[in-house]
Amino acid sequence: MTERLPAARRRRQLLDVAIGVFAANGYHQTTMNQVAEAAGVTKPVLYQHFTSKKELFAEVLRDLGGRLEESIGKATAVATSPRNQVRAGFVAYFRFVTEERDALELLFGVHSRQEPEFIEITRNLRASIAEATAALIDVEGLDRDDRRFLAQGIVGIAEATSRHWIQEGGDGDPEVVAEAAADLAWGGLRSLRRP
């Protein structure tokens, strides 16, 4: 018999289980039956929380993206200098993808490019992280558009580097990998000057 949980805890459990099932099977191959079975609930219980597989997957993307963004925000908020903010942001990103390996593939892999709604969710996530990053770029003479442009590049460094690192096995300390990515980004930012 399924253990009765408060609605918020049940929803959280279903999301956590769905992440693993979608990562293992892909969006199209995953069924609501598989998610319900993996979660140890009946299909009607799953449908009480999510009316369709599309809604469930979209919520998985929003949940993972929100957690990634929150971890980067918390890390950069306590950094004591611009250089430390760059490093802290990369460390938070790499720690997240190390601890949530399925997250990177679900957020930025083929699964998230299969429906316009999913594309929009991941586009909004990238834009939100880039906007927060742009606010941290403090280079004399750069206007807001320049900072936004550069922030997209920094987000790209994090995403591409972490994807490659995970595909290669993701061995090693995420802080060491993050430090290398931060050095690249910081070196580029420090070389910029605008008249």
Foldseek 3Di string as FASTA:
>chain_A
DDDDDPPVVLLVLLLVLVLVQCLVQNLVRDDLCVSCVSSVHDSVVVCVNPVGSVRSLLVSLLVLLVVLLVQLVVQLVPQDDLLSNLLSNLLSLLVSCVVSVSNLCSLPNPRLVPDPSSVVSSVVSLQVQLLVQLVSQDAPPDDSVNSSVLSSVLSVLSSVQSVVCVVVPVDDRSSVSSVVSSCVSVVVSVPDHHD
